[in-house]
PDB file of N, CA and C in Angstrom:
ATOM      1  N   MET A   1     -32.084  -4.947  24.275  1.00  0.00           N
ATOM      2  CA  MET A   1     -31.815  -4.657  22.873  1.00  0.00           C
ATOM      3  C   MET A   1     -30.797  -5.669  22.331  1.00  0.00           C
ATOM      4  N   LYS A   2     -30.977  -6.017  21.075  1.00  0.00           N
ATOM      5  CA  LYS A   2     -30.008  -6.893  20.439  1.00  0.00           C
ATOM      6  C   LYS A   2     -29.230  -6.102  19.399  1.00  0.00           C
ATOM      7  N   HIS A   3     -28.135  -6.694  18.920  1.00  0.00           N
ATOM      8  CA  HIS A   3     -27.255  -6.027  17.963  1.00  0.00           C
ATOM      9  C   HIS A   3     -27.149  -6.858  16.691  1.00  0.00           C
ATOM     10  N   CYS A   4     -26.948  -6.166  15.580  1.00  0.00           N
ATOM     11  CA  CYS A   4     -26.734  -6.829  14.292  1.00  0.00           C
ATOM     12  C   CYS A   4     -25.378  -7.517  14.318  1.00  0.00           C
ATOM     13  N   GLN A   5     -25.338  -8.763  13.882  1.00  0.00           N
ATOM     14  CA  GLN A   5     -24.081  -9.509  13.858  1.00  0.00           C
ATOM     15  C   GLN A   5     -23.156  -9.028  12.756  1.00  0.00           C
ATOM     16  N   ARG A   6     -23.711  -8.411  11.731  1.00  0.00           N
ATOM     17  CA  ARG A   6     -22.898  -7.973  10.605  1.00  0.00           C
ATOM     18  C   ARG A   6     -22.310  -6.579  10.813  1.00  0.00           C
ATOM     19  N   CYS A   7     -23.139  -5.592  11.229  1.00  0.00           N
ATOM     20  CA  CYS A   7     -22.644  -4.208  11.326  1.00  0.00           C
ATOM     21  C   CYS A   7     -22.581  -3.691  12.757  1.00  0.00           C
ATOM     22  N   GLY A   8     -23.199  -4.383  13.720  1.00  0.00           N
ATOM     23  CA  GLY A   8     -23.102  -4.007  15.115  1.00  0.00           C
ATOM     24  C   GLY A   8     -24.115  -2.983  15.607  1.00  0.00           C
ATOM     25  N   ARG A   9     -25.022  -2.535  14.774  1.00  0.00           N
ATOM     26  CA  ARG A   9     -26.017  -1.531  15.166  1.00  0.00           C
ATOM     27  C   ARG A   9     -27.027  -2.123  16.150  1.00  0.00           C
ATOM     28  N   GLU A  10     -27.485  -1.268  17.082  1.00  0.00           N
ATOM     29  CA  GLU A  10     -28.525  -1.691  18.018  1.00  0.00           C
ATOM     30  C   GLU A  10     -29.851  -1.836  17.294  1.00  0.00           C
ATOM     31  N   LEU A  11     -30.586  -2.880  17.650  1.00  0.00           N
ATOM     32  CA  LEU A  11     -31.857  -3.175  16.993  1.00  0.00           C
ATOM     33  C   LEU A  11     -32.942  -3.405  18.036  1.00  0.00           C
ATOM     34  N   PRO A  12     -34.200  -3.098  17.689  1.00  0.00           N
ATOM     35  CA  PRO A  12     -35.295  -3.445  18.598  1.00  0.00           C
ATOM     36  C   PRO A  12     -35.415  -4.966  18.729  1.00  0.00           C
ATOM     37  N   ASP A  13     -35.984  -5.415  19.823  1.00  0.00           N
ATOM     38  CA  ASP A  13     -36.083  -6.861  20.076  1.00  0.00           C
ATOM     39  C   ASP A  13     -36.934  -7.595  19.051  1.00  0.00           C
ATOM     40  N   ASP A  14     -37.896  -6.912  18.420  1.00  0.00           N
ATOM     41  CA  ASP A  14     -38.776  -7.586  17.459  1.00  0.00           C
ATOM     42  C   ASP A  14     -38.308  -7.452  16.010  1.00  0.00           C
ATOM     43  N   ALA A  15     -37.110  -6.922  15.770  1.00  0.00           N
ATOM     44  CA  ALA A  15     -36.610  -6.714  14.408  1.00  0.00           C
ATOM     45  C   ALA A  15     -36.290  -8.041  13.739  1.00  0.00           C
ATOM     46  N   ALA A  16     -36.681  -8.162  12.471  1.00  0.00           N
ATOM     47  CA  ALA A  16     -36.354  -9.347  11.679  1.00  0.00           C
ATOM     48  C   ALA A  16     -35.145  -9.086  10.785  1.00  0.00           C
ATOM     49  N   PHE A  17     -34.917  -7.791  10.440  1.00  0.00           N
ATOM     50  CA  PHE A  17     -33.794  -7.397   9.596  1.00  0.00           C
ATOM     51  C   PHE A  17     -33.135  -6.157  10.179  1.00  0.00           C
ATOM     52  N   CYS A  18     -31.865  -5.965   9.935  1.00  0.00           N
ATOM     53  CA  CYS A  18     -31.143  -4.781  10.390  1.00  0.00           C
ATOM     54  C   CYS A  18     -31.566  -3.591   9.532  1.00  0.00           C
ATOM     55  N   SER A  19     -31.884  -2.468  10.175  1.00  0.00           N
ATOM     56  CA  SER A  19     -32.304  -1.280   9.431  1.00  0.00           C
ATOM     57  C   SER A  19     -31.124  -0.588   8.744  1.00  0.00           C
ATOM     58  N   ALA A  20     -29.907  -0.892   9.139  1.00  0.00           N
ATOM     59  CA  ALA A  20     -28.731  -0.255   8.541  1.00  0.00           C
ATOM     60  C   ALA A  20     -28.175  -1.035   7.353  1.00  0.00           C
ATOM     61  N   CYS A  21     -27.956  -2.333   7.535  1.00  0.00           N
ATOM     62  CA  CYS A  21     -27.314  -3.107   6.461  1.00  0.00           C
ATOM     63  C   CYS A  21     -28.255  -4.096   5.778  1.00  0.00           C
ATOM     64  N   GLY A  22     -29.430  -4.342   6.358  1.00  0.00           N
ATOM     65  CA  GLY A  22     -30.411  -5.219   5.732  1.00  0.00           C
ATOM     66  C   GLY A  22     -30.213  -6.696   5.978  1.00  0.00           C
ATOM     67  N   SER A  23     -29.217  -7.064   6.760  1.00  0.00           N
ATOM     68  CA  SER A  23     -28.995  -8.487   6.994  1.00  0.00           C
ATOM     69  C   SER A  23     -30.047  -9.047   7.943  1.00  0.00           C
ATOM     70  N   PRO A  24     -30.396 -10.313   7.781  1.00  0.00           N
ATOM     71  CA  PRO A  24     -31.408 -10.907   8.644  1.00  0.00           C
ATOM     72  C   PRO A  24     -30.899 -11.029  10.076  1.00  0.00           C
ATOM     73  N   VAL A  25     -31.791 -10.801  11.014  1.00  0.00           N
ATOM     74  CA  VAL A  25     -31.457 -10.903  12.423  1.00  0.00           C
ATOM     75  C   VAL A  25     -31.924 -12.264  12.904  1.00  0.00           C
ATOM     76  N   GLY A  26     -31.105 -12.943  13.590  1.00  0.00           N
ATOM     77  CA  GLY A  26     -31.437 -14.273  14.089  1.00  0.00           C
ATOM     78  C   GLY A  26     -30.189 -15.111  14.118  1.00  0.00           C
ATOM     79  N   LYS A  27     -30.369 -16.346  14.430  1.00  0.00           N
ATOM     80  CA  LYS A  27     -29.225 -17.236  14.534  1.00  0.00           C
ATOM     81  C   LYS A  27     -28.735 -17.617  13.143  1.00  0.00           C
ATOM     82  N   VAL A  28     -27.455 -17.374  12.898  1.00  0.00           N
ATOM     83  CA  VAL A  28     -26.847 -17.679  11.611  1.00  0.00           C
ATOM     84  C   VAL A  28     -25.659 -18.592  11.855  1.00  0.00           C
ATOM     85  N   SER A  29     -25.616 -19.686  11.141  1.00  0.00           N
ATOM     86  CA  SER A  29     -24.466 -20.572  11.249  1.00  0.00           C
ATOM     87  C   SER A  29     -23.549 -20.339  10.061  1.00  0.00           C
ATOM     88  N   ARG A  30     -22.267 -20.488  10.285  1.00  0.00           N
ATOM     89  CA  ARG A  30     -21.275 -20.280   9.227  1.00  0.00           C
ATOM     90  C   ARG A  30     -20.491 -21.563   9.001  1.00  0.00           C
ATOM     91  N   GLU A  31     -20.300 -21.871   7.740  1.00  0.00           N
ATOM     92  CA  GLU A  31     -19.486 -23.024   7.351  1.00  0.00           C
ATOM     93  C   GLU A  31     -18.399 -22.513   6.433  1.00  0.00           C
ATOM     94  N   GLU A  32     -17.233 -23.107   6.507  1.00  0.00           N
ATOM     95  CA  GLU A  32     -16.121 -22.675   5.668  1.00  0.00           C
ATOM     96  C   GLU A  32     -15.590 -23.864   4.880  1.00  0.00           C
ATOM     97  N   TYR A  33     -15.413 -23.652   3.580  1.00  0.00           N
ATOM     98  CA  TYR A  33     -14.885 -24.683   2.692  1.00  0.00           C
ATOM     99  C   TYR A  33     -13.625 -24.149   2.032  1.00  0.00           C
ATOM    100  N   SER A  34     -12.671 -24.998   1.798  1.00  0.00           N
ATOM    101  CA  SER A  34     -11.476 -24.643   1.041  1.00  0.00           C
ATOM    102  C   SER A  34     -11.525 -25.446  -0.260  1.00  0.00           C
ATOM    103  N   VAL A  35     -11.533 -24.732  -1.393  1.00  0.00           N
ATOM    104  CA  VAL A  35     -11.662 -25.399  -2.689  1.00  0.00           C
ATOM    105  C   VAL A  35     -10.595 -24.904  -3.641  1.00  0.00           C
ATOM    106  N   SER A  36     -10.288 -25.727  -4.621  1.00  0.00           N
ATOM    107  CA  SER A  36      -9.368 -25.312  -5.673  1.00  0.00           C
ATOM    108  C   SER A  36     -10.132 -24.480  -6.700  1.00  0.00           C
ATOM    109  N   SER A  37      -9.408 -23.783  -7.535  1.00  0.00           N
ATOM    110  CA  SER A  37     -10.062 -22.907  -8.514  1.00  0.00           C
ATOM    111  C   SER A  37     -10.913 -23.684  -9.514  1.00  0.00           C
ATOM    112  N   GLU A  38     -10.560 -24.931  -9.795  1.00  0.00           N
ATOM    113  CA  GLU A  38     -11.341 -25.726 -10.748  1.00  0.00           C
ATOM    114  C   GLU A  38     -12.734 -26.058 -10.211  1.00  0.00           C
ATOM    115  N   ASP A  39     -12.845 -26.213  -8.898  1.00  0.00           N
ATOM    116  CA  ASP A  39     -14.111 -26.614  -8.282  1.00  0.00           C
ATOM    117  C   ASP A  39     -14.934 -25.441  -7.761  1.00  0.00           C
ATOM    118  N   LEU A  40     -14.446 -24.207  -7.909  1.00  0.00           N
ATOM    119  CA  LEU A  40     -15.104 -23.046  -7.313  1.00  0.00           C
ATOM    120  C   LEU A  40     -16.522 -22.848  -7.835  1.00  0.00           C
ATOM    121  N   VAL A  41     -16.695 -22.755  -9.139  1.00  0.00           N
ATOM    122  CA  VAL A  41     -18.007 -22.478  -9.724  1.00  0.00           C
ATOM    123  C   VAL A  41     -18.975 -23.626  -9.435  1.00  0.00           C
ATOM    124  N   LYS A  42     -18.502 -24.855  -9.562  1.00  0.00           N
ATOM    125  CA  LYS A  42     -19.360 -26.022  -9.312  1.00  0.00           C
ATOM    126  C   LYS A  42     -19.841 -26.048  -7.854  1.00  0.00           C
ATOM    127  N   THR A  43     -18.952 -25.743  -6.918  1.00  0.00           N
ATOM    128  CA  THR A  43     -19.315 -25.748  -5.505  1.00  0.00           C
ATOM    129  C   THR A  43     -20.316 -24.648  -5.190  1.00  0.00           C
ATOM    130  N   ILE A  44     -20.122 -23.443  -5.751  1.00  0.00           N
ATOM    131  CA  ILE A  44     -21.044 -22.328  -5.512  1.00  0.00           C
ATOM    132  C   ILE A  44     -22.431 -22.668  -6.061  1.00  0.00           C
ATOM    133  N   LYS A  45     -22.499 -23.223  -7.260  1.00  0.00           N
ATOM    134  CA  LYS A  45     -23.793 -23.609  -7.838  1.00  0.00           C
ATOM    135  C   LYS A  45     -24.503 -24.618  -6.944  1.00  0.00           C
ATOM    136  N   HIS A  46     -23.774 -25.578  -6.439  1.00  0.00           N
ATOM    137  CA  HIS A  46     -24.361 -26.591  -5.557  1.00  0.00           C
ATOM    138  C   HIS A  46     -24.910 -25.940  -4.286  1.00  0.00           C
ATOM    139  N   LEU A  47     -24.152 -25.023  -3.697  1.00  0.00           N
ATOM    140  CA  LEU A  47     -24.595 -24.359  -2.466  1.00  0.00           C
ATOM    141  C   LEU A  47     -25.843 -23.520  -2.692  1.00  0.00           C
ATOM    142  N   ILE A  48     -25.912 -22.810  -3.811  1.00  0.00           N
ATOM    143  CA  ILE A  48     -27.080 -21.973  -4.114  1.00  0.00           C
ATOM    144  C   ILE A  48     -28.324 -22.834  -4.294  1.00  0.00           C
ATOM    145  N   HIS A  49     -28.171 -23.992  -4.923  1.00  0.00           N
ATOM    146  CA  HIS A  49     -29.320 -24.870  -5.155  1.00  0.00           C
ATOM    147  C   HIS A  49     -29.820 -25.550  -3.883  1.00  0.00           C
ATOM    148  N   GLU A  50     -29.013 -25.541  -2.817  1.00  0.00           N
ATOM    149  CA  GLU A  50     -29.479 -26.110  -1.542  1.00  0.00           C
ATOM    150  C   GLU A  50     -30.647 -25.323  -0.974  1.00  0.00           C
ATOM    151  N   GLY A  51     -30.662 -24.007  -1.190  1.00  0.00           N
ATOM    152  CA  GLY A  51     -31.817 -23.203  -0.842  1.00  0.00           C
ATOM    153  C   GLY A  51     -31.822 -22.532   0.503  1.00  0.00           C
ATOM    154  N   ASN A  52     -31.138 -23.031   1.505  1.00  0.00           N
ATOM    155  CA  ASN A  52     -31.192 -22.409   2.823  1.00  0.00           C
ATOM    156  C   ASN A  52     -29.994 -21.501   3.106  1.00  0.00           C
ATOM    157  N   VAL A  53     -29.279 -21.106   2.076  1.00  0.00           N
ATOM    158  CA  VAL A  53     -28.114 -20.247   2.203  1.00  0.00           C
ATOM    159  C   VAL A  53     -28.557 -18.789   2.166  1.00  0.00           C
ATOM    160  N   THR A  54     -28.070 -17.981   3.109  1.00  0.00           N
ATOM    161  CA  THR A  54     -28.419 -16.562   3.110  1.00  0.00           C
ATOM    162  C   THR A  54     -27.339 -15.706   2.462  1.00  0.00           C
ATOM    163  N   ARG A  55     -26.077 -16.148   2.528  1.00  0.00           N
ATOM    164  CA  ARG A  55     -25.004 -15.385   1.913  1.00  0.00           C
ATOM    165  C   ARG A  55     -23.811 -16.288   1.676  1.00  0.00           C
ATOM    166  N   ILE A  56     -23.110 -16.049   0.562  1.00  0.00           N
ATOM    167  CA  ILE A  56     -21.896 -16.790   0.231  1.00  0.00           C
ATOM    168  C   ILE A  56     -20.782 -15.773   0.054  1.00  0.00           C
ATOM    169  N   ILE A  57     -19.661 -15.997   0.726  1.00  0.00           N
ATOM    170  CA  ILE A  57     -18.511 -15.112   0.638  1.00  0.00           C
ATOM    171  C   ILE A  57     -17.345 -15.923   0.095  1.00  0.00           C
ATOM    172  N   VAL A  58     -16.693 -15.400  -0.957  1.00  0.00           N
ATOM    173  CA  VAL A  58     -15.524 -16.053  -1.530  1.00  0.00           C
ATOM    174  C   VAL A  58     -14.302 -15.229  -1.137  1.00  0.00           C
ATOM    175  N   LYS A  59     -13.320 -15.893  -0.512  1.00  0.00           N
ATOM    176  CA  LYS A  59     -12.109 -15.218  -0.068  1.00  0.00           C
ATOM    177  C   LYS A  59     -10.893 -15.878  -0.686  1.00  0.00           C
ATOM    178  N   SER A  60      -9.836 -15.082  -0.824  1.00  0.00           N
ATOM    179  CA  SER A  60      -8.578 -15.601  -1.361  1.00  0.00           C
ATOM    180  C   SER A  60      -7.814 -16.337  -0.265  1.00  0.00           C
ATOM    181  N   GLU A  61      -6.662 -16.904  -0.625  1.00  0.00           N
ATOM    182  CA  GLU A  61      -5.818 -17.586   0.359  1.00  0.00           C
ATOM    183  C   GLU A  61      -5.330 -16.614   1.432  1.00  0.00           C
ATOM    184  N   LYS A  62      -5.214 -15.333   1.064  1.00  0.00           N
ATOM    185  CA  LYS A  62      -4.736 -14.302   1.992  1.00  0.00           C
ATOM    186  C   LYS A  62      -5.868 -13.709   2.814  1.00  0.00           C
ATOM    187  N   ASP A  63      -7.039 -14.316   2.773  1.00  0.00           N
ATOM    188  CA  ASP A  63      -8.225 -13.908   3.527  1.00  0.00           C
ATOM    189  C   ASP A  63      -8.803 -12.565   3.062  1.00  0.00           C
ATOM    190  N   GLU A  64      -8.589 -12.216   1.803  1.00  0.00           N
ATOM    191  CA  GLU A  64      -9.192 -11.019   1.220  1.00  0.00           C
ATOM    192  C   GLU A  64     -10.525 -11.406   0.598  1.00  0.00           C
ATOM    193  N   THR A  65     -11.570 -10.614   0.854  1.00  0.00           N
ATOM    194  CA  THR A  65     -12.878 -10.900   0.290  1.00  0.00           C
ATOM    195  C   THR A  65     -12.868 -10.582  -1.203  1.00  0.00           C
ATOM    196  N   LEU A  66     -13.175 -11.572  -2.022  1.00  0.00           N
ATOM    197  CA  LEU A  66     -13.196 -11.402  -3.470  1.00  0.00           C
ATOM    198  C   LEU A  66     -14.603 -11.177  -4.002  1.00  0.00           C
ATOM    199  N   LEU A  67     -15.600 -11.816  -3.371  1.00  0.00           N
ATOM    200  CA  LEU A  67     -16.968 -11.728  -3.858  1.00  0.00           C
ATOM    201  C   LEU A  67     -17.938 -12.103  -2.738  1.00  0.00           C
ATOM    202  N   GLU A  68     -19.037 -11.357  -2.638  1.00  0.00           N
ATOM    203  CA  GLU A  68     -20.123 -11.690  -1.719  1.00  0.00           C
ATOM    204  C   GLU A  68     -21.392 -11.853  -2.537  1.00  0.00           C
ATOM    205  N   ILE A  69     -22.052 -12.975  -2.374  1.00  0.00           N
ATOM    206  CA  ILE A  69     -23.284 -13.251  -3.112  1.00  0.00           C
ATOM    207  C   ILE A  69     -24.430 -13.292  -2.108  1.00  0.00           C
ATOM    208  N   PRO A  70     -25.392 -12.366  -2.209  1.00  0.00           N
ATOM    209  CA  PRO A  70     -26.538 -12.396  -1.285  1.00  0.00           C
ATOM    210  C   PRO A  70     -27.507 -13.518  -1.634  1.00  0.00           C
ATOM    211  N   ALA A  71     -28.356 -13.861  -0.692  1.00  0.00           N
ATOM    212  CA  ALA A  71     -29.292 -14.978  -0.868  1.00  0.00           C
ATOM    213  C   ALA A  71     -30.319 -14.711  -1.955  1.00  0.00           C
ATOM    214  N   THR A  72     -30.703 -13.464  -2.165  1.00  0.00           N
ATOM    215  CA  THR A  72     -31.742 -13.163  -3.141  1.00  0.00           C
ATOM    216  C   THR A  72     -31.314 -13.518  -4.559  1.00  0.00           C
ATOM    217  N   VAL A  73     -30.016 -13.560  -4.810  1.00  0.00           N
ATOM    218  CA  VAL A  73     -29.541 -13.910  -6.142  1.00  0.00           C
ATOM    219  C   VAL A  73     -29.872 -15.353  -6.471  1.00  0.00           C
ATOM    220  N   GLY A  74     -29.814 -16.233  -5.466  1.00  0.00           N
ATOM    221  CA  GLY A  74     -30.113 -17.635  -5.702  1.00  0.00           C
ATOM    222  C   GLY A  74     -31.555 -17.873  -6.107  1.00  0.00           C
ATOM    223  N   VAL A  75     -32.435 -16.981  -5.727  1.00  0.00           N
ATOM    224  CA  VAL A  75     -33.850 -17.115  -6.051  1.00  0.00           C
ATOM    225  C   VAL A  75     -34.119 -16.755  -7.501  1.00  0.00           C
ATOM    226  N   ILE A  76     -33.432 -15.753  -7.999  1.00  0.00           N
ATOM    227  CA  ILE A  76     -33.672 -15.248  -9.348  1.00  0.00           C
ATOM    228  C   ILE A  76     -32.535 -15.721 -10.250  1.00  0.00           C
ATOM    229  N   GLY A  77     -32.803 -16.689 -11.096  1.00  0.00           N
ATOM    230  CA  GLY A  77     -31.775 -17.287 -11.936  1.00  0.00           C
ATOM    231  C   GLY A  77     -31.157 -16.356 -12.955  1.00  0.00           C
ATOM    232  N   ALA A  78     -31.907 -15.410 -13.492  1.00  0.00           N
ATOM    233  CA  ALA A  78     -31.381 -14.508 -14.521  1.00  0.00           C
ATOM    234  C   ALA A  78     -30.313 -13.584 -13.965  1.00  0.00           C
ATOM    235  N   ILE A  79     -30.420 -13.248 -12.699  1.00  0.00           N
ATOM    236  CA  ILE A  79     -29.422 -12.371 -12.092  1.00  0.00           C
ATOM    237  C   ILE A  79     -28.164 -13.150 -11.722  1.00  0.00           C
ATOM    238  N   LEU A  80     -28.232 -14.446 -11.708  1.00  0.00           N
ATOM    239  CA  LEU A  80     -27.114 -15.287 -11.311  1.00  0.00           C
ATOM    240  C   LEU A  80     -25.986 -15.286 -12.348  1.00  0.00           C
ATOM    241  N   ALA A  81     -26.274 -15.047 -13.603  1.00  0.00           N
ATOM    242  CA  ALA A  81     -25.265 -15.121 -14.666  1.00  0.00           C
ATOM    243  C   ALA A  81     -24.067 -14.197 -14.446  1.00  0.00           C
ATOM    244  N   PRO A  82     -24.243 -12.909 -14.108  1.00  0.00           N
ATOM    245  CA  PRO A  82     -23.061 -12.065 -13.867  1.00  0.00           C
ATOM    246  C   PRO A  82     -22.212 -12.537 -12.691  1.00  0.00           C
ATOM    247  N   TRP A  83     -22.865 -13.092 -11.665  1.00  0.00           N
ATOM    248  CA  TRP A  83     -22.114 -13.605 -10.518  1.00  0.00           C
ATOM    249  C   TRP A  83     -21.249 -14.797 -10.943  1.00  0.00           C
ATOM    250  N   MET A  84     -21.790 -15.648 -11.790  1.00  0.00           N
ATOM    251  CA  MET A  84     -21.027 -16.809 -12.249  1.00  0.00           C
ATOM    252  C   MET A  84     -19.867 -16.382 -13.153  1.00  0.00           C
ATOM    253  N   ALA A  85     -20.069 -15.328 -13.946  1.00  0.00           N
ATOM    254  CA  ALA A  85     -18.976 -14.805 -14.769  1.00  0.00           C
ATOM    255  C   ALA A  85     -17.859 -14.267 -13.876  1.00  0.00           C
ATOM    256  N   ALA A  86     -18.235 -13.566 -12.816  1.00  0.00           N
ATOM    257  CA  ALA A  86     -17.238 -13.053 -11.877  1.00  0.00           C
ATOM    258  C   ALA A  86     -16.505 -14.200 -11.189  1.00  0.00           C
ATOM    259  N   LEU A  87     -17.219 -15.259 -10.853  1.00  0.00           N
ATOM    260  CA  LEU A  87     -16.577 -16.431 -10.247  1.00  0.00           C
ATOM    261  C   LEU A  87     -15.588 -17.078 -11.207  1.00  0.00           C
ATOM    262  N   GLY A  88     -15.925 -17.073 -12.497  1.00  0.00           N
ATOM    263  CA  GLY A  88     -15.007 -17.622 -13.500  1.00  0.00           C
ATOM    264  C   GLY A  88     -13.705 -16.847 -13.559  1.00  0.00           C
ATOM    265  N   VAL A  89     -13.792 -15.528 -13.461  1.00  0.00           N
ATOM    266  CA  VAL A  89     -12.589 -14.688 -13.457  1.00  0.00           C
ATOM    267  C   VAL A  89     -11.771 -14.947 -12.198  1.00  0.00           C
ATOM    268  N   ILE A  90     -12.444 -15.039 -11.059  1.00  0.00           N
ATOM    269  CA  ILE A  90     -11.745 -15.325  -9.804  1.00  0.00           C
ATOM    270  C   ILE A  90     -11.047 -16.678  -9.885  1.00  0.00           C
ATOM    271  N   ALA A  91     -11.717 -17.659 -10.447  1.00  0.00           N
ATOM    272  CA  ALA A  91     -11.130 -19.000 -10.575  1.00  0.00           C
ATOM    273  C   ALA A  91      -9.899 -18.983 -11.476  1.00  0.00           C
ATOM    274  N   ALA A  92      -9.899 -18.107 -12.489  1.00  0.00           N
ATOM    275  CA  ALA A  92      -8.750 -18.022 -13.388  1.00  0.00           C
ATOM    276  C   ALA A  92      -7.546 -17.373 -12.701  1.00  0.00           C
ATOM    277  N   ILE A  93      -7.804 -16.483 -11.752  1.00  0.00           N
ATOM    278  CA  ILE A  93      -6.722 -15.749 -11.088  1.00  0.00           C
ATOM    279  C   ILE A  93      -6.200 -16.506  -9.864  1.00  0.00           C
ATOM    280  N   ALA A  94      -7.090 -16.998  -9.039  1.00  0.00           N
ATOM    281  CA  ALA A  94      -6.711 -17.613  -7.763  1.00  0.00           C
ATOM    282  C   ALA A  94      -6.413 -19.095  -7.940  1.00  0.00           C
ATOM    283  N   THR A  95      -5.558 -19.611  -7.072  1.00  0.00           N
ATOM    284  CA  THR A  95      -5.269 -21.040  -7.109  1.00  0.00           C
ATOM    285  C   THR A  95      -6.142 -21.798  -6.112  1.00  0.00           C
ATOM    286  N   LYS A  96      -6.322 -21.211  -4.932  1.00  0.00           N
ATOM    287  CA  LYS A  96      -7.195 -21.801  -3.916  1.00  0.00           C
ATOM    288  C   LYS A  96      -8.064 -20.701  -3.344  1.00  0.00           C
ATOM    289  N   CYS A  97      -9.278 -21.037  -2.987  1.00  0.00           N
ATOM    290  CA  CYS A  97     -10.217 -20.066  -2.416  1.00  0.00           C
ATOM    291  C   CYS A  97     -10.877 -20.665  -1.192  1.00  0.00           C
ATOM    292  N   LYS A  98     -11.350 -19.761  -0.327  1.00  0.00           N
ATOM    293  CA  LYS A  98     -12.174 -20.169   0.803  1.00  0.00           C
ATOM    294  C   LYS A  98     -13.587 -19.704   0.522  1.00  0.00           C
ATOM    295  N   ILE A  99     -14.534 -20.570   0.767  1.00  0.00           N
ATOM    296  CA  ILE A  99     -15.943 -20.219   0.623  1.00  0.00           C
ATOM    297  C   ILE A  99     -16.553 -20.246   2.017  1.00  0.00           C
ATOM    298  N   ILE A 100     -17.150 -19.119   2.410  1.00  0.00           N
ATOM    299  CA  ILE A 100     -17.831 -19.045   3.691  1.00  0.00           C
ATOM    300  C   ILE A 100     -19.327 -18.977   3.399  1.00  0.00           C
ATOM    301  N   VAL A 101     -20.068 -19.899   3.964  1.00  0.00           N
ATOM    302  CA  VAL A 101     -21.492 -20.015   3.719  1.00  0.00           C
ATOM    303  C   VAL A 101     -22.233 -19.670   5.001  1.00  0.00           C
ATOM    304  N   GLU A 102     -23.167 -18.717   4.911  1.00  0.00           N
ATOM    305  CA  GLU A 102     -24.001 -18.373   6.051  1.00  0.00           C
ATOM    306  C   GLU A 102     -25.390 -18.944   5.825  1.00  0.00           C
ATOM    307  N   ARG A 103     -25.886 -19.645   6.832  1.00  0.00           N
ATOM    308  CA  ARG A 103     -27.224 -20.252   6.768  1.00  0.00           C
ATOM    309  C   ARG A 103     -28.013 -19.767   7.971  1.00  0.00           C
ATOM    310  N   ARG A 104     -29.262 -19.411   7.727  1.00  0.00           N
ATOM    311  CA  ARG A 104     -30.136 -19.013   8.825  1.00  0.00           C
ATOM    312  C   ARG A 104     -30.790 -20.258   9.389  1.00  0.00           C
ATOM    313  N   GLU A 105     -30.756 -20.376  10.715  1.00  0.00           N
ATOM    314  CA  GLU A 105     -31.315 -21.575  11.354  1.00  0.00           C
ATOM    315  C   GLU A 105     -32.767 -21.375  11.664  1.00  0.00           C
TER     316      GLU A 105
END
């Protein structure tokens, strides 16, 4: 049996997604970027347009999660607008942010 990397639940060997949290099962690589508030929105837009991103997490300097953007949002452009508005507010409040990008291999 394998386990979900996100929530830790046991999964059948042939599972493609976790039945508890819905995250994809498989090898996921993580990249971390440190950006200033001025570059936050521009960097997120660039990452979403790359296409192979499954999830984007924005954290503060104190390692508090400020925003999580699932991969499905990048596919549907109309739903992206509220996420970008939220990023604008985060950029106005924070001075530096960490962006964690998860990519499925």
